[in-house]
């Protein structure tokens, strides 16, 4: 479980990431894999590095439906 300060830092990072994607015309909130990874990071069950690996793996398997999954699968 994350302490309050760490959770706040992660929320701020996610906000920054989401803003960057929106500037590029993508809405990360439409991506189920992203939402799952974000929720797991904020719950303290995944680290950010593990969340990235999760998103990339799920996207490579064709499990994503949103803009982030499509973007990640092209990496």
PDB file of N, CA and C in Angstrom:
ATOM      1  N   UNK A   1       0.845  -1.185   0.000  1.00  0.00           N
ATOM      2  CA  UNK A   1       0.000   0.000   0.000  1.00  0.00           C
ATOM      3  C   UNK A   1       0.884   1.240   0.000  1.00  0.00           C
ATOM      4  N   UNK A   2       0.464   2.225  -0.770  1.00  0.00           N
ATOM      5  CA  UNK A   2       1.221   3.471  -0.855  1.00  0.00           C
ATOM      6  C   UNK A   2       0.889   4.390   0.305  1.00  0.00           C
ATOM      7  N   UNK A   3       1.894   5.146   0.727  1.00  0.00           N
ATOM      8  CA  UNK A   3       1.568   6.179   1.703  1.00  0.00           C
ATOM      9  C   UNK A   3       0.949   7.353   0.952  1.00  0.00           C
ATOM     10  N   UNK A   4       0.354   8.248   1.668  1.00  0.00           N
ATOM     11  CA  UNK A   4      -0.397   9.353   1.080  1.00  0.00           C
ATOM     12  C   UNK A   4       0.471  10.226   0.169  1.00  0.00           C
ATOM     13  N   UNK A   5       1.712  10.513   0.597  1.00  0.00           N
ATOM     14  CA  UNK A   5       2.592  11.356  -0.212  1.00  0.00           C
ATOM     15  C   UNK A   5       2.983  10.682  -1.525  1.00  0.00           C
ATOM     16  N   UNK A   6       3.289   9.386  -1.475  1.00  0.00           N
ATOM     17  CA  UNK A   6       3.664   8.666  -2.692  1.00  0.00           C
ATOM     18  C   UNK A   6       2.480   8.598  -3.658  1.00  0.00           C
ATOM     19  N   UNK A   7       1.291   8.335  -3.118  1.00  0.00           N
ATOM     20  CA  UNK A   7       0.102   8.279  -3.968  1.00  0.00           C
ATOM     21  C   UNK A   7      -0.124   9.634  -4.642  1.00  0.00           C
ATOM     22  N   UNK A   8       0.061  10.709  -3.903  1.00  0.00           N
ATOM     23  CA  UNK A   8      -0.114  12.053  -4.466  1.00  0.00           C
ATOM     24  C   UNK A   8       0.901  12.294  -5.587  1.00  0.00           C
ATOM     25  N   UNK A   9       2.149  11.870  -5.393  1.00  0.00           N
ATOM     26  CA  UNK A   9       3.166  12.033  -6.442  1.00  0.00           C
ATOM     27  C   UNK A   9       2.786  11.247  -7.695  1.00  0.00           C
ATOM     28  N   UNK A  10       2.316  10.029  -7.502  1.00  0.00           N
ATOM     29  CA  UNK A  10       1.894   9.210  -8.649  1.00  0.00           C
ATOM     30  C   UNK A  10       0.702   9.843  -9.356  1.00  0.00           C
ATOM     31  N   UNK A  11      -0.251  10.351  -8.593  1.00  0.00           N
ATOM     32  CA  UNK A  11      -1.409  11.012  -9.211  1.00  0.00           C
ATOM     33  C   UNK A  11      -0.966  12.213 -10.036  1.00  0.00           C
ATOM     34  N   UNK A  12       0.004  12.970  -9.531  1.00  0.00           N
ATOM     35  CA  UNK A  12       0.519  14.126 -10.267  1.00  0.00           C
ATOM     36  C   UNK A  12       1.220  13.680 -11.542  1.00  0.00           C
ATOM     37  N   UNK A  13       1.980  12.583 -11.466  1.00  0.00           N
ATOM     38  CA  UNK A  13       2.649  12.066 -12.661  1.00  0.00           C
ATOM     39  C   UNK A  13       1.628  11.624 -13.704  1.00  0.00           C
ATOM     40  N   UNK A  14       0.600  10.900 -13.251  1.00  0.00           N
ATOM     41  CA  UNK A  14      -0.432  10.463 -14.182  1.00  0.00           C
ATOM     42  C   UNK A  14      -1.129  11.660 -14.815  1.00  0.00           C
ATOM     43  N   UNK A  15      -1.395  12.678 -14.048  1.00  0.00           N
ATOM     44  CA  UNK A  15      -2.033  13.882 -14.571  1.00  0.00           C
ATOM     45  C   UNK A  15      -1.173  14.513 -15.660  1.00  0.00           C
ATOM     46  N   UNK A  16       0.114  14.564 -15.428  1.00  0.00           N
ATOM     47  CA  UNK A  16       1.044  15.120 -16.414  1.00  0.00           C
ATOM     48  C   UNK A  16       1.066  14.266 -17.685  1.00  0.00           C
ATOM     49  N   UNK A  17       1.124  12.958 -17.519  1.00  0.00           N
ATOM     50  CA  UNK A  17       1.117  12.041 -18.666  1.00  0.00           C
ATOM     51  C   UNK A  17      -0.167  12.216 -19.470  1.00  0.00           C
ATOM     52  N   UNK A  18      -1.286  12.254 -18.769  1.00  0.00           N
ATOM     53  CA  UNK A  18      -2.583  12.386 -19.434  1.00  0.00           C
ATOM     54  C   UNK A  18      -2.682  13.710 -20.188  1.00  0.00           C
ATOM     55  N   UNK A  19      -2.175  14.782 -19.598  1.00  0.00           N
ATOM     56  CA  UNK A  19      -2.182  16.084 -20.266  1.00  0.00           C
ATOM     57  C   UNK A  19      -1.357  16.042 -21.545  1.00  0.00           C
ATOM     58  N   UNK A  20      -0.203  15.395 -21.481  1.00  0.00           N
ATOM     59  CA  UNK A  20       0.654  15.288 -22.664  1.00  0.00           C
ATOM     60  C   UNK A  20      -0.051  14.538 -23.788  1.00  0.00           C
ATOM     61  N   UNK A  21      -0.721  13.444 -23.445  1.00  0.00           N
ATOM     62  CA  UNK A  21      -1.444  12.697 -24.470  1.00  0.00           C
ATOM     63  C   UNK A  21      -2.598  13.512 -25.044  1.00  0.00           C
ATOM     64  N   UNK A  22      -3.290  14.254 -24.209  1.00  0.00           N
ATOM     65  CA  UNK A  22      -4.404  15.072 -24.700  1.00  0.00           C
ATOM     66  C   UNK A  22      -3.920  16.153 -25.657  1.00  0.00           C
ATOM     67  N   UNK A  23      -2.753  16.723 -25.379  1.00  0.00           N
ATOM     68  CA  UNK A  23      -2.169  17.717 -26.281  1.00  0.00           C
ATOM     69  C   UNK A  23      -1.939  17.093 -27.655  1.00  0.00           C
ATOM     70  N   UNK A  24      -1.607  15.816 -27.668  1.00  0.00           N
ATOM     71  CA  UNK A  24      -1.372  15.093 -28.921  1.00  0.00           C
ATOM     72  C   UNK A  24      -2.666  14.577 -29.545  1.00  0.00           C
ATOM     73  N   UNK A  25      -3.806  14.885 -28.933  1.00  0.00           N
ATOM     74  CA  UNK A  25      -5.089  14.485 -29.486  1.00  0.00           C
ATOM     75  C   UNK A  25      -5.565  13.104 -29.066  1.00  0.00           C
ATOM     76  N   UNK A  26      -4.941  12.536 -28.037  1.00  0.00           N
ATOM     77  CA  UNK A  26      -5.339  11.216 -27.548  1.00  0.00           C
ATOM     78  C   UNK A  26      -5.897  11.345 -26.142  1.00  0.00           C
ATOM     79  N   UNK A  27      -6.883  10.530 -25.831  1.00  0.00           N
ATOM     80  CA  UNK A  27      -7.476  10.546 -24.488  1.00  0.00           C
ATOM     81  C   UNK A  27      -7.196   9.215 -23.806  1.00  0.00           C
ATOM     82  N   UNK A  28      -6.263   9.193 -22.866  1.00  0.00           N
ATOM     83  CA  UNK A  28      -5.906   7.937 -22.218  1.00  0.00           C
ATOM     84  C   UNK A  28      -7.031   7.314 -21.399  1.00  0.00           C
ATOM     85  N   UNK A  29      -8.024   8.107 -21.017  1.00  0.00           N
ATOM     86  CA  UNK A  29      -9.112   7.558 -20.210  1.00  0.00           C
ATOM     87  C   UNK A  29      -9.956   6.553 -20.989  1.00  0.00           C
ATOM     88  N   UNK A  30      -9.806   6.540 -22.318  1.00  0.00           N
ATOM     89  CA  UNK A  30     -10.537   5.595 -23.139  1.00  0.00           C
ATOM     90  C   UNK A  30      -9.857   4.245 -23.276  1.00  0.00           C
ATOM     91  N   UNK A  31      -8.720   4.079 -22.653  1.00  0.00           N
ATOM     92  CA  UNK A  31      -7.940   2.857 -22.789  1.00  0.00           C
ATOM     93  C   UNK A  31      -8.073   1.995 -21.534  1.00  0.00           C
ATOM     94  N   UNK A  32      -8.711   0.852 -21.663  1.00  0.00           N
ATOM     95  CA  UNK A  32      -8.954  -0.023 -20.509  1.00  0.00           C
ATOM     96  C   UNK A  32      -7.661  -0.519 -19.880  1.00  0.00           C
ATOM     97  N   UNK A  33      -6.660  -0.805 -20.696  1.00  0.00           N
ATOM     98  CA  UNK A  33      -5.381  -1.280 -20.158  1.00  0.00           C
ATOM     99  C   UNK A  33      -4.733  -0.177 -19.329  1.00  0.00           C
ATOM    100  N   UNK A  34      -4.747   1.040 -19.852  1.00  0.00           N
ATOM    101  CA  UNK A  34      -4.182   2.174 -19.118  1.00  0.00           C
ATOM    102  C   UNK A  34      -4.913   2.376 -17.787  1.00  0.00           C
ATOM    103  N   UNK A  35      -6.237   2.356 -17.843  1.00  0.00           N
ATOM    104  CA  UNK A  35      -7.012   2.553 -16.609  1.00  0.00           C
ATOM    105  C   UNK A  35      -6.690   1.473 -15.581  1.00  0.00           C
ATOM    106  N   UNK A  36      -6.544   0.247 -16.030  1.00  0.00           N
ATOM    107  CA  UNK A  36      -6.212  -0.847 -15.121  1.00  0.00           C
ATOM    108  C   UNK A  36      -4.824  -0.656 -14.515  1.00  0.00           C
ATOM    109  N   UNK A  37      -3.856  -0.321 -15.365  1.00  0.00           N
ATOM    110  CA  UNK A  37      -2.489  -0.111 -14.875  1.00  0.00           C
ATOM    111  C   UNK A  37      -2.441   1.054 -13.886  1.00  0.00           C
ATOM    112  N   UNK A  38      -3.111   2.138 -14.220  1.00  0.00           N
ATOM    113  CA  UNK A  38      -3.136   3.311 -13.339  1.00  0.00           C
ATOM    114  C   UNK A  38      -3.747   2.954 -11.987  1.00  0.00           C
ATOM    115  N   UNK A  39      -4.874   2.257 -12.005  1.00  0.00           N
ATOM    116  CA  UNK A  39      -5.536   1.880 -10.755  1.00  0.00           C
ATOM    117  C   UNK A  39      -4.635   0.991  -9.907  1.00  0.00           C
ATOM    118  N   UNK A  40      -3.919   0.091 -10.565  1.00  0.00           N
ATOM    119  CA  UNK A  40      -3.037  -0.821  -9.819  1.00  0.00           C
ATOM    120  C   UNK A  40      -1.835  -0.090  -9.229  1.00  0.00           C
ATOM    121  N   UNK A  41      -1.311   0.895  -9.960  1.00  0.00           N
ATOM    122  CA  UNK A  41      -0.206   1.700  -9.412  1.00  0.00           C
ATOM    123  C   UNK A  41      -0.706   2.492  -8.207  1.00  0.00           C
ATOM    124  N   UNK A  42      -1.858   3.139  -8.346  1.00  0.00           N
ATOM    125  CA  UNK A  42      -2.386   3.958  -7.249  1.00  0.00           C
ATOM    126  C   UNK A  42      -2.817   3.115  -6.053  1.00  0.00           C
ATOM    127  N   UNK A  43      -3.108   1.838  -6.288  1.00  0.00           N
ATOM    128  CA  UNK A  43      -3.440   0.933  -5.181  1.00  0.00           C
ATOM    129  C   UNK A  43      -2.182   0.356  -4.537  1.00  0.00           C
ATOM    130  N   UNK A  44      -1.045   0.555  -5.202  1.00  0.00           N
ATOM    131  CA  UNK A  44       0.209   0.047  -4.658  1.00  0.00           C
ATOM    132  C   UNK A  44       0.503  -1.399  -5.018  1.00  0.00           C
ATOM    133  N   UNK A  45      -0.228  -1.965  -5.974  1.00  0.00           N
ATOM    134  CA  UNK A  45       0.007  -3.358  -6.349  1.00  0.00           C
ATOM    135  C   UNK A  45       0.956  -3.510  -7.528  1.00  0.00           C
ATOM    136  N   UNK A  46       1.236  -2.414  -8.227  1.00  0.00           N
ATOM    137  CA  UNK A  46       2.237  -2.384  -9.297  1.00  0.00           C
ATOM    138  C   UNK A  46       3.105  -1.151  -9.122  1.00  0.00           C
ATOM    139  N   UNK A  47       4.373  -1.283  -9.468  1.00  0.00           N
ATOM    140  CA  UNK A  47       5.234  -0.106  -9.553  1.00  0.00           C
ATOM    141  C   UNK A  47       4.995   0.527 -10.925  1.00  0.00           C
ATOM    142  N   UNK A  48       5.412   1.772 -11.111  1.00  0.00           N
ATOM    143  CA  UNK A  48       5.272   2.370 -12.444  1.00  0.00           C
ATOM    144  C   UNK A  48       5.981   1.550 -13.534  1.00  0.00           C
ATOM    145  N   UNK A  49       7.144   1.004 -13.251  1.00  0.00           N
ATOM    146  CA  UNK A  49       7.858   0.185 -14.239  1.00  0.00           C
ATOM    147  C   UNK A  49       7.068  -1.079 -14.568  1.00  0.00           C
ATOM    148  N   UNK A  50       6.489  -1.695 -13.547  1.00  0.00           N
ATOM    149  CA  UNK A  50       5.675  -2.883 -13.783  1.00  0.00           C
ATOM    150  C   UNK A  50       4.432  -2.530 -14.591  1.00  0.00           C
ATOM    151  N   UNK A  51       3.864  -1.359 -14.327  1.00  0.00           N
ATOM    152  CA  UNK A  51       2.676  -0.922 -15.066  1.00  0.00           C
ATOM    153  C   UNK A  51       3.008  -0.720 -16.541  1.00  0.00           C
ATOM    154  N   UNK A  52       4.153  -0.127 -16.826  1.00  0.00           N
ATOM    155  CA  UNK A  52       4.565   0.063 -18.211  1.00  0.00           C
ATOM    156  C   UNK A  52       4.731  -1.289 -18.903  1.00  0.00           C
ATOM    157  N   UNK A  53       5.382  -2.224 -18.229  1.00  0.00           N
ATOM    158  CA  UNK A  53       5.557  -3.565 -18.800  1.00  0.00           C
ATOM    159  C   UNK A  53       4.201  -4.226 -19.041  1.00  0.00           C
ATOM    160  N   UNK A  54       3.268  -4.041 -18.125  1.00  0.00           N
ATOM    161  CA  UNK A  54       1.919  -4.591 -18.255  1.00  0.00           C
ATOM    162  C   UNK A  54       1.223  -4.011 -19.489  1.00  0.00           C
ATOM    163  N   UNK A  55       1.283  -2.693 -19.657  1.00  0.00           N
ATOM    164  CA  UNK A  55       0.638  -2.038 -20.797  1.00  0.00           C
ATOM    165  C   UNK A  55       1.263  -2.525 -22.102  1.00  0.00           C
ATOM    166  N   UNK A  56       2.584  -2.578 -22.157  1.00  0.00           N
ATOM    167  CA  UNK A  56       3.254  -3.021 -23.374  1.00  0.00           C
ATOM    168  C   UNK A  56       2.913  -4.474 -23.706  1.00  0.00           C
ATOM    169  N   UNK A  57       2.899  -5.337 -22.697  1.00  0.00           N
ATOM    170  CA  UNK A  57       2.586  -6.751 -22.923  1.00  0.00           C
ATOM    171  C   UNK A  57       1.146  -6.921 -23.406  1.00  0.00           C
ATOM    172  N   UNK A  58       0.210  -6.263 -22.728  1.00  0.00           N
ATOM    173  CA  UNK A  58      -1.193  -6.383 -23.114  1.00  0.00           C
ATOM    174  C   UNK A  58      -1.423  -5.819 -24.511  1.00  0.00           C
ATOM    175  N   UNK A  59      -0.757  -4.722 -24.820  1.00  0.00           N
ATOM    176  CA  UNK A  59      -0.902  -4.107 -26.136  1.00  0.00           C
ATOM    177  C   UNK A  59      -0.326  -5.005 -27.226  1.00  0.00           C
ATOM    178  N   UNK A  60       0.819  -5.605 -26.944  1.00  0.00           N
ATOM    179  CA  UNK A  60       1.443  -6.512 -27.913  1.00  0.00           C
ATOM    180  C   UNK A  60       0.565  -7.726 -28.174  1.00  0.00           C
ATOM    181  N   UNK A  61      -0.217  -8.115 -27.173  1.00  0.00           N
ATOM    182  CA  UNK A  61      -1.128  -9.251 -27.314  1.00  0.00           C
ATOM    183  C   UNK A  61      -2.439  -8.864 -27.995  1.00  0.00           C
ATOM    184  N   UNK A  62      -2.585  -7.570 -28.335  1.00  0.00           N
ATOM    185  CA  UNK A  62      -3.796  -7.108 -29.008  1.00  0.00           C
ATOM    186  C   UNK A  62      -4.973  -6.928 -28.088  1.00  0.00           C
ATOM    187  N   UNK A  63      -4.718  -6.766 -26.796  1.00  0.00           N
ATOM    188  CA  UNK A  63      -5.807  -6.640 -25.827  1.00  0.00           C
ATOM    189  C   UNK A  63      -6.288  -5.215 -25.629  1.00  0.00           C
ATOM    190  N   UNK A  64      -5.607  -4.239 -26.199  1.00  0.00           N
ATOM    191  CA  UNK A  64      -5.990  -2.848 -25.971  1.00  0.00           C
ATOM    192  C   UNK A  64      -6.970  -2.334 -27.004  1.00  0.00           C
ATOM    193  N   UNK A  65      -7.738  -1.347 -26.589  1.00  0.00           N
ATOM    194  CA  UNK A  65      -8.707  -0.770 -27.510  1.00  0.00           C
ATOM    195  C   UNK A  65      -8.575   0.736 -27.625  1.00  0.00           C
ATOM    196  N   UNK A  66      -7.774   1.339 -26.783  1.00  0.00           N
ATOM    197  CA  UNK A  66      -7.677   2.791 -26.771  1.00  0.00           C
ATOM    198  C   UNK A  66      -6.400   3.290 -27.402  1.00  0.00           C
ATOM    199  N   UNK A  67      -6.229   4.602 -27.428  1.00  0.00           N
ATOM    200  CA  UNK A  67      -5.090   5.203 -28.113  1.00  0.00           C
ATOM    201  C   UNK A  67      -3.745   4.833 -27.518  1.00  0.00           C
ATOM    202  N   UNK A  68      -3.673   4.638 -26.223  1.00  0.00           N
ATOM    203  CA  UNK A  68      -2.387   4.301 -25.614  1.00  0.00           C
ATOM    204  C   UNK A  68      -1.966   2.899 -25.996  1.00  0.00           C
ATOM    205  N   UNK A  69      -2.911   1.985 -26.047  1.00  0.00           N
ATOM    206  CA  UNK A  69      -2.588   0.613 -26.430  1.00  0.00           C
ATOM    207  C   UNK A  69      -2.059   0.576 -27.853  1.00  0.00           C
ATOM    208  N   UNK A  70      -2.714   1.326 -28.738  1.00  0.00           N
ATOM    209  CA  UNK A  70      -2.263   1.341 -30.127  1.00  0.00           C
ATOM    210  C   UNK A  70      -0.883   1.999 -30.230  1.00  0.00           C
ATOM    211  N   UNK A  71      -0.649   3.038 -29.461  1.00  0.00           N
ATOM    212  CA  UNK A  71       0.637   3.719 -29.457  1.00  0.00           C
ATOM    213  C   UNK A  71       1.713   2.783 -28.899  1.00  0.00           C
ATOM    214  N   UNK A  72       1.435   2.118 -27.790  1.00  0.00           N
ATOM    215  CA  UNK A  72       2.414   1.239 -27.155  1.00  0.00           C
ATOM    216  C   UNK A  72       2.747   0.062 -28.049  1.00  0.00           C
ATOM    217  N   UNK A  73       1.772  -0.433 -28.779  1.00  0.00           N
ATOM    218  CA  UNK A  73       2.021  -1.603 -29.611  1.00  0.00           C
ATOM    219  C   UNK A  73       2.926  -1.293 -30.796  1.00  0.00           C
ATOM    220  N   UNK A  74       3.110  -0.012 -31.102  1.00  0.00           N
ATOM    221  CA  UNK A  74       3.967   0.345 -32.224  1.00  0.00           C
ATOM    222  C   UNK A  74       5.410   0.601 -31.795  1.00  0.00           C
ATOM    223  N   UNK A  75       5.688   0.477 -30.512  1.00  0.00           N
ATOM    224  CA  UNK A  75       7.047   0.736 -30.008  1.00  0.00           C
ATOM    225  C   UNK A  75       7.947  -0.432 -30.347  1.00  0.00           C
TER     226      UNK A  75
END
